Amino acid sequence: MHSERVASRSAEQRDSRESRNGTPQLDSVSLAIIEQLQEDGRRPYAAIGKAVGLSEAAVRQRVQKLLDQGVMQIVAVTDPLTVGFRRQAMVGVNVDGDLDPVADGLSAMPEVEYVVMTAGSFDILAEIVCEDDDHLLDVINKRIRALPGVRSTESFVYLKLKKQTYMWGTR
């Protein structure tokens, strides 16, 4: 038991290092835990522990630390259509000046699920999930275009979702 605590403690210390830019540096065990949870977010800690060579308690601690550090989230992913959201769109946004205030404004909107600053034809891409076309029009026309700094938008309405996965692993 003592050796398991020592091994767990030393593994936790290895896992807790941060890179120079402040992001956590993950060891191979933490990466393996993430992969296990990407396959099945409800996988028991004991099963994960068996797969990665740690005790259930050590896995529980690692998972909590990964959650606390913002490395990962464990969430239920739904099909928007089945829960009443019949319209999705990607909106390209061009901005005059600083991108951060516009990205922050988009991020604060509950309909906006994804915001990324880009290089290319658009300064920002935002994925929007709405109940219907009227809701989407309201979000784009009255809220996104009203943000200070927004020069233009271009909408790409989703006709059919062919693939949605979060299984890219940890490579």
C-alpha atoms as a PDB file:
ATOM      1  CA  MET A   1       0.000   0.000   0.000  1.00  0.00           C
ATOM      2  CA  HIS A   2       2.788   2.426   0.900  1.00  0.00           C
ATOM      3  CA  SER A   3       4.596   1.772  -2.380  1.00  0.00           C
ATOM      4  CA  GLU A   4       1.351   2.384  -4.295  1.00  0.00           C
ATOM      5  CA  ARG A   5       0.948   5.786  -2.566  1.00  0.00           C
ATOM      6  CA  VAL A   6       4.560   6.679  -3.311  1.00  0.00           C
ATOM      7  CA  ALA A   7       4.172   5.601  -6.945  1.00  0.00           C
ATOM      8  CA  SER A   8       0.927   7.537  -7.183  1.00  0.00           C
ATOM      9  CA  ARG A   9       2.518  10.630  -5.590  1.00  0.00           C
ATOM     10  CA  SER A  10       5.545  10.529  -7.902  1.00  0.00           C
ATOM     11  CA  ALA A  11       3.266  10.013 -10.915  1.00  0.00           C
ATOM     12  CA  GLU A  12       1.210  13.015  -9.766  1.00  0.00           C
ATOM     13  CA  GLN A  13       4.363  15.123  -9.441  1.00  0.00           C
ATOM     14  CA  ARG A  14       5.462  14.145 -12.956  1.00  0.00           C
ATOM     15  CA  ASP A  15       2.000  14.992 -14.233  1.00  0.00           C
ATOM     16  CA  SER A  16       1.903  18.408 -12.561  1.00  0.00           C
ATOM     17  CA  ARG A  17       4.752  20.067 -14.455  1.00  0.00           C
ATOM     18  CA  GLU A  18       3.876  22.987 -16.639  1.00  0.00           C
ATOM     19  CA  SER A  19       5.544  24.123 -19.814  1.00  0.00           C
ATOM     20  CA  ARG A  20       7.072  27.579 -20.105  1.00  0.00           C
ATOM     21  CA  ASN A  21       3.833  29.006 -21.510  1.00  0.00           C
ATOM     22  CA  GLY A  22       1.832  27.823 -18.474  1.00  0.00           C
ATOM     23  CA  THR A  23      -0.002  24.936 -20.106  1.00  0.00           C
ATOM     24  CA  PRO A  24       0.175  21.597 -18.323  1.00  0.00           C
ATOM     25  CA  GLN A  25       2.673  19.095 -19.673  1.00  0.00           C
ATOM     26  CA  LEU A  26       0.960  15.728 -19.616  1.00  0.00           C
ATOM     27  CA  ASP A  27       2.804  12.470 -19.086  1.00  0.00           C
ATOM     28  CA  SER A  28       1.964   9.271 -20.961  1.00  0.00           C
ATOM     29  CA  VAL A  29      -0.310   8.022 -18.156  1.00  0.00           C
ATOM     30  CA  SER A  30      -2.477  11.159 -18.217  1.00  0.00           C
ATOM     31  CA  LEU A  31      -2.660  10.963 -21.998  1.00  0.00           C
ATOM     32  CA  ALA A  32      -3.760   7.311 -21.725  1.00  0.00           C
ATOM     33  CA  ILE A  33      -6.452   8.276 -19.190  1.00  0.00           C
ATOM     34  CA  ILE A  34      -7.752  10.947 -21.570  1.00  0.00           C
ATOM     35  CA  GLU A  35      -7.897   8.425 -24.417  1.00  0.00           C
ATOM     36  CA  GLN A  36      -9.808   5.973 -22.209  1.00  0.00           C
ATOM     37  CA  LEU A  37     -12.369   8.670 -21.367  1.00  0.00           C
ATOM     38  CA  GLN A  38     -12.679   9.763 -24.996  1.00  0.00           C
ATOM     39  CA  GLU A  39     -13.673   6.209 -25.865  1.00  0.00           C
ATOM     40  CA  ASP A  40     -16.241   6.124 -23.041  1.00  0.00           C
ATOM     41  CA  GLY A  41     -16.747   9.072 -20.708  1.00  0.00           C
ATOM     42  CA  ARG A  42     -18.553   6.806 -18.225  1.00  0.00           C
ATOM     43  CA  ARG A  43     -15.797   4.187 -18.028  1.00  0.00           C
ATOM     44  CA  PRO A  44     -15.223   3.277 -14.358  1.00  0.00           C
ATOM     45  CA  TYR A  45     -12.008   4.508 -12.756  1.00  0.00           C
ATOM     46  CA  ALA A  46     -11.130   0.925 -11.790  1.00  0.00           C
ATOM     47  CA  ALA A  47     -11.252  -0.136 -15.469  1.00  0.00           C
ATOM     48  CA  ILE A  48      -9.183   2.879 -16.501  1.00  0.00           C
ATOM     49  CA  GLY A  49      -6.692   2.100 -13.741  1.00  0.00           C
ATOM     50  CA  LYS A  50      -6.317  -1.453 -14.990  1.00  0.00           C
ATOM     51  CA  ALA A  51      -5.697  -0.187 -18.531  1.00  0.00           C
ATOM     52  CA  VAL A  52      -3.115   2.442 -17.523  1.00  0.00           C
ATOM     53  CA  GLY A  53      -1.455   0.727 -14.563  1.00  0.00           C
ATOM     54  CA  LEU A  54      -2.737   2.902 -11.695  1.00  0.00           C
ATOM     55  CA  SER A  55      -5.070   2.342  -8.761  1.00  0.00           C
ATOM     56  CA  GLU A  56      -8.658   3.528  -8.931  1.00  0.00           C
ATOM     57  CA  ALA A  57      -7.862   6.286  -6.404  1.00  0.00           C
ATOM     58  CA  ALA A  58      -4.865   7.490  -8.430  1.00  0.00           C
ATOM     59  CA  VAL A  59      -7.007   7.630 -11.584  1.00  0.00           C
ATOM     60  CA  ARG A  60      -9.695   9.568  -9.714  1.00  0.00           C
ATOM     61  CA  GLN A  61      -7.068  12.113  -8.591  1.00  0.00           C
ATOM     62  CA  ARG A  62      -5.593  12.412 -12.078  1.00  0.00           C
ATOM     63  CA  VAL A  63      -9.018  12.912 -13.674  1.00  0.00           C
ATOM     64  CA  GLN A  64      -9.944  15.584 -11.129  1.00  0.00           C
ATOM     65  CA  LYS A  65      -6.668  17.380 -11.755  1.00  0.00           C
ATOM     66  CA  LEU A  66      -7.189  17.267 -15.538  1.00  0.00           C
ATOM     67  CA  LEU A  67     -10.669  18.723 -15.035  1.00  0.00           C
ATOM     68  CA  ASP A  68      -9.421  21.403 -12.621  1.00  0.00           C
ATOM     69  CA  GLN A  69      -6.637  22.434 -15.026  1.00  0.00           C
ATOM     70  CA  GLY A  70      -9.114  22.758 -17.897  1.00  0.00           C
ATOM     71  CA  VAL A  71      -7.270  20.089 -19.905  1.00  0.00           C
ATOM     72  CA  MET A  72     -10.536  18.240 -20.532  1.00  0.00           C
ATOM     73  CA  GLN A  73     -14.266  18.222 -19.866  1.00  0.00           C
ATOM     74  CA  ILE A  74     -16.556  15.260 -19.449  1.00  0.00           C
ATOM     75  CA  VAL A  75     -19.889  16.121 -21.069  1.00  0.00           C
ATOM     76  CA  ALA A  76     -22.875  14.523 -22.761  1.00  0.00           C
ATOM     77  CA  VAL A  77     -22.752  15.271 -26.491  1.00  0.00           C
ATOM     78  CA  THR A  78     -26.189  15.423 -28.077  1.00  0.00           C
ATOM     79  CA  ASP A  79     -27.522  15.467 -31.607  1.00  0.00           C
ATOM     80  CA  PRO A  80     -28.943  19.021 -31.739  1.00  0.00           C
ATOM     81  CA  LEU A  81     -31.890  17.939 -33.902  1.00  0.00           C
ATOM     82  CA  THR A  82     -33.139  15.451 -31.323  1.00  0.00           C
ATOM     83  CA  VAL A  83     -33.184  18.060 -28.540  1.00  0.00           C
ATOM     84  CA  GLY A  84     -35.052  20.784 -30.455  1.00  0.00           C
ATOM     85  CA  PHE A  85     -32.289  22.704 -32.232  1.00  0.00           C
ATOM     86  CA  ARG A  86     -33.137  22.412 -35.929  1.00  0.00           C
ATOM     87  CA  ARG A  87     -30.705  25.015 -37.294  1.00  0.00           C
ATOM     88  CA  GLN A  88     -26.921  25.072 -37.070  1.00  0.00           C
ATOM     89  CA  ALA A  89     -24.531  27.345 -38.907  1.00  0.00           C
ATOM     90  CA  MET A  90     -20.911  28.321 -39.041  1.00  0.00           C
ATOM     91  CA  VAL A  91     -20.554  32.087 -39.212  1.00  0.00           C
ATOM     92  CA  GLY A  92     -17.409  33.697 -40.565  1.00  0.00           C
ATOM     93  CA  VAL A  93     -16.799  37.130 -39.028  1.00  0.00           C
ATOM     94  CA  ASN A  94     -14.474  39.861 -40.268  1.00  0.00           C
ATOM     95  CA  VAL A  95     -13.392  42.405 -37.688  1.00  0.00           C
ATOM     96  CA  ASP A  96     -11.990  45.919 -37.742  1.00  0.00           C
ATOM     97  CA  GLY A  97      -9.312  46.221 -35.062  1.00  0.00           C
ATOM     98  CA  ASP A  98      -8.736  43.945 -32.083  1.00  0.00           C
ATOM     99  CA  LEU A  99     -10.275  40.473 -32.375  1.00  0.00           C
ATOM    100  CA  ASP A 100     -10.454  39.777 -28.633  1.00  0.00           C
ATOM    101  CA  PRO A 101     -13.506  41.922 -27.759  1.00  0.00           C
ATOM    102  CA  VAL A 102     -15.496  40.431 -30.646  1.00  0.00           C
ATOM    103  CA  ALA A 103     -14.428  36.876 -29.751  1.00  0.00           C
ATOM    104  CA  ASP A 104     -15.388  37.569 -26.118  1.00  0.00           C
ATOM    105  CA  GLY A 105     -18.773  38.943 -27.195  1.00  0.00           C
ATOM    106  CA  LEU A 106     -19.447  35.878 -29.337  1.00  0.00           C
ATOM    107  CA  SER A 107     -18.314  33.554 -26.555  1.00  0.00           C
ATOM    108  CA  ALA A 108     -20.831  35.130 -24.176  1.00  0.00           C
ATOM    109  CA  MET A 109     -23.788  34.240 -26.435  1.00  0.00           C
ATOM    110  CA  PRO A 110     -25.499  31.012 -25.352  1.00  0.00           C
ATOM    111  CA  GLU A 111     -26.227  30.005 -28.955  1.00  0.00           C
ATOM    112  CA  VAL A 112     -22.539  30.164 -29.883  1.00  0.00           C
ATOM    113  CA  GLU A 113     -20.907  26.801 -29.209  1.00  0.00           C
ATOM    114  CA  TYR A 114     -17.466  27.308 -30.722  1.00  0.00           C
ATOM    115  CA  VAL A 115     -15.330  30.370 -31.349  1.00  0.00           C
ATOM    116  CA  VAL A 116     -11.942  30.299 -33.041  1.00  0.00           C
ATOM    117  CA  MET A 117      -9.690  33.100 -34.268  1.00  0.00           C
ATOM    118  CA  THR A 118      -8.339  32.212 -37.683  1.00  0.00           C
ATOM    119  CA  ALA A 119      -5.930  33.215 -40.401  1.00  0.00           C
ATOM    120  CA  GLY A 120      -7.474  33.328 -43.832  1.00  0.00           C
ATOM    121  CA  SER A 121     -10.710  34.664 -45.288  1.00  0.00           C
ATOM    122  CA  PHE A 122     -12.277  35.272 -41.865  1.00  0.00           C
ATOM    123  CA  ASP A 123     -10.885  36.643 -38.641  1.00  0.00           C
ATOM    124  CA  ILE A 124     -13.211  34.547 -36.475  1.00  0.00           C
ATOM    125  CA  LEU A 125     -15.371  31.481 -37.029  1.00  0.00           C
ATOM    126  CA  ALA A 126     -18.327  30.856 -34.716  1.00  0.00           C
ATOM    127  CA  GLU A 127     -20.530  27.765 -34.656  1.00  0.00           C
ATOM    128  CA  ILE A 128     -24.124  28.583 -33.775  1.00  0.00           C
ATOM    129  CA  VAL A 129     -26.914  26.235 -32.677  1.00  0.00           C
ATOM    130  CA  CYS A 130     -30.465  27.645 -32.861  1.00  0.00           C
ATOM    131  CA  GLU A 131     -34.058  26.455 -32.626  1.00  0.00           C
ATOM    132  CA  ASP A 132     -35.010  27.553 -36.145  1.00  0.00           C
ATOM    133  CA  ASP A 133     -34.250  29.997 -38.975  1.00  0.00           C
ATOM    134  CA  ASP A 134     -35.899  32.949 -37.200  1.00  0.00           C
ATOM    135  CA  HIS A 135     -33.728  32.342 -34.137  1.00  0.00           C
ATOM    136  CA  LEU A 136     -30.592  32.135 -36.321  1.00  0.00           C
ATOM    137  CA  LEU A 137     -31.532  35.358 -38.122  1.00  0.00           C
ATOM    138  CA  ASP A 138     -32.017  37.121 -34.785  1.00  0.00           C
ATOM    139  CA  VAL A 139     -28.635  35.965 -33.474  1.00  0.00           C
ATOM    140  CA  ILE A 140     -26.761  37.002 -36.626  1.00  0.00           C
ATOM    141  CA  ASN A 141     -28.607  40.195 -37.524  1.00  0.00           C
ATOM    142  CA  LYS A 142     -29.373  41.706 -34.128  1.00  0.00           C
ATOM    143  CA  ARG A 143     -26.603  40.381 -31.928  1.00  0.00           C
ATOM    144  CA  ILE A 144     -23.479  39.373 -33.873  1.00  0.00           C
ATOM    145  CA  ARG A 145     -23.613  42.238 -36.373  1.00  0.00           C
ATOM    146  CA  ALA A 146     -24.302  44.641 -33.481  1.00  0.00           C
ATOM    147  CA  LEU A 147     -20.992  43.817 -31.767  1.00  0.00           C
ATOM    148  CA  PRO A 148     -18.564  46.753 -31.978  1.00  0.00           C
ATOM    149  CA  GLY A 149     -15.809  45.967 -34.470  1.00  0.00           C
ATOM    150  CA  VAL A 150     -17.768  43.498 -36.618  1.00  0.00           C
ATOM    151  CA  ARG A 151     -17.244  44.540 -40.238  1.00  0.00           C
ATOM    152  CA  SER A 152     -19.037  41.669 -41.996  1.00  0.00           C
ATOM    153  CA  THR A 153     -20.381  38.165 -41.566  1.00  0.00           C
ATOM    154  CA  GLU A 154     -20.921  35.221 -43.852  1.00  0.00           C
ATOM    155  CA  SER A 155     -23.136  32.318 -42.810  1.00  0.00           C
ATOM    156  CA  PHE A 156     -22.774  28.681 -43.741  1.00  0.00           C
ATOM    157  CA  VAL A 157     -26.020  26.923 -42.827  1.00  0.00           C
ATOM    158  CA  TYR A 158     -25.698  23.218 -42.048  1.00  0.00           C
ATOM    159  CA  LEU A 159     -27.974  21.067 -44.198  1.00  0.00           C
ATOM    160  CA  LYS A 160     -26.986  17.705 -42.751  1.00  0.00           C
ATOM    161  CA  LEU A 161     -24.541  16.624 -40.082  1.00  0.00           C
ATOM    162  CA  LYS A 162     -22.522  13.683 -41.443  1.00  0.00           C
ATOM    163  CA  LYS A 163     -19.901  13.308 -38.722  1.00  0.00           C
ATOM    164  CA  GLN A 164     -19.446  14.657 -35.239  1.00  0.00           C
ATOM    165  CA  THR A 165     -16.763  13.097 -33.104  1.00  0.00           C
ATOM    166  CA  TYR A 166     -14.402  14.046 -30.344  1.00  0.00           C
ATOM    167  CA  MET A 167     -12.164  10.980 -30.678  1.00  0.00           C
ATOM    168  CA  TRP A 168      -8.958  12.578 -31.952  1.00  0.00           C
ATOM    169  CA  GLY A 169      -7.105  11.084 -29.016  1.00  0.00           C
ATOM    170  CA  THR A 170      -3.938  12.578 -27.682  1.00  0.00           C
ATOM    171  CA  ARG A 171      -1.595  11.737 -30.573  1.00  0.00           C
END
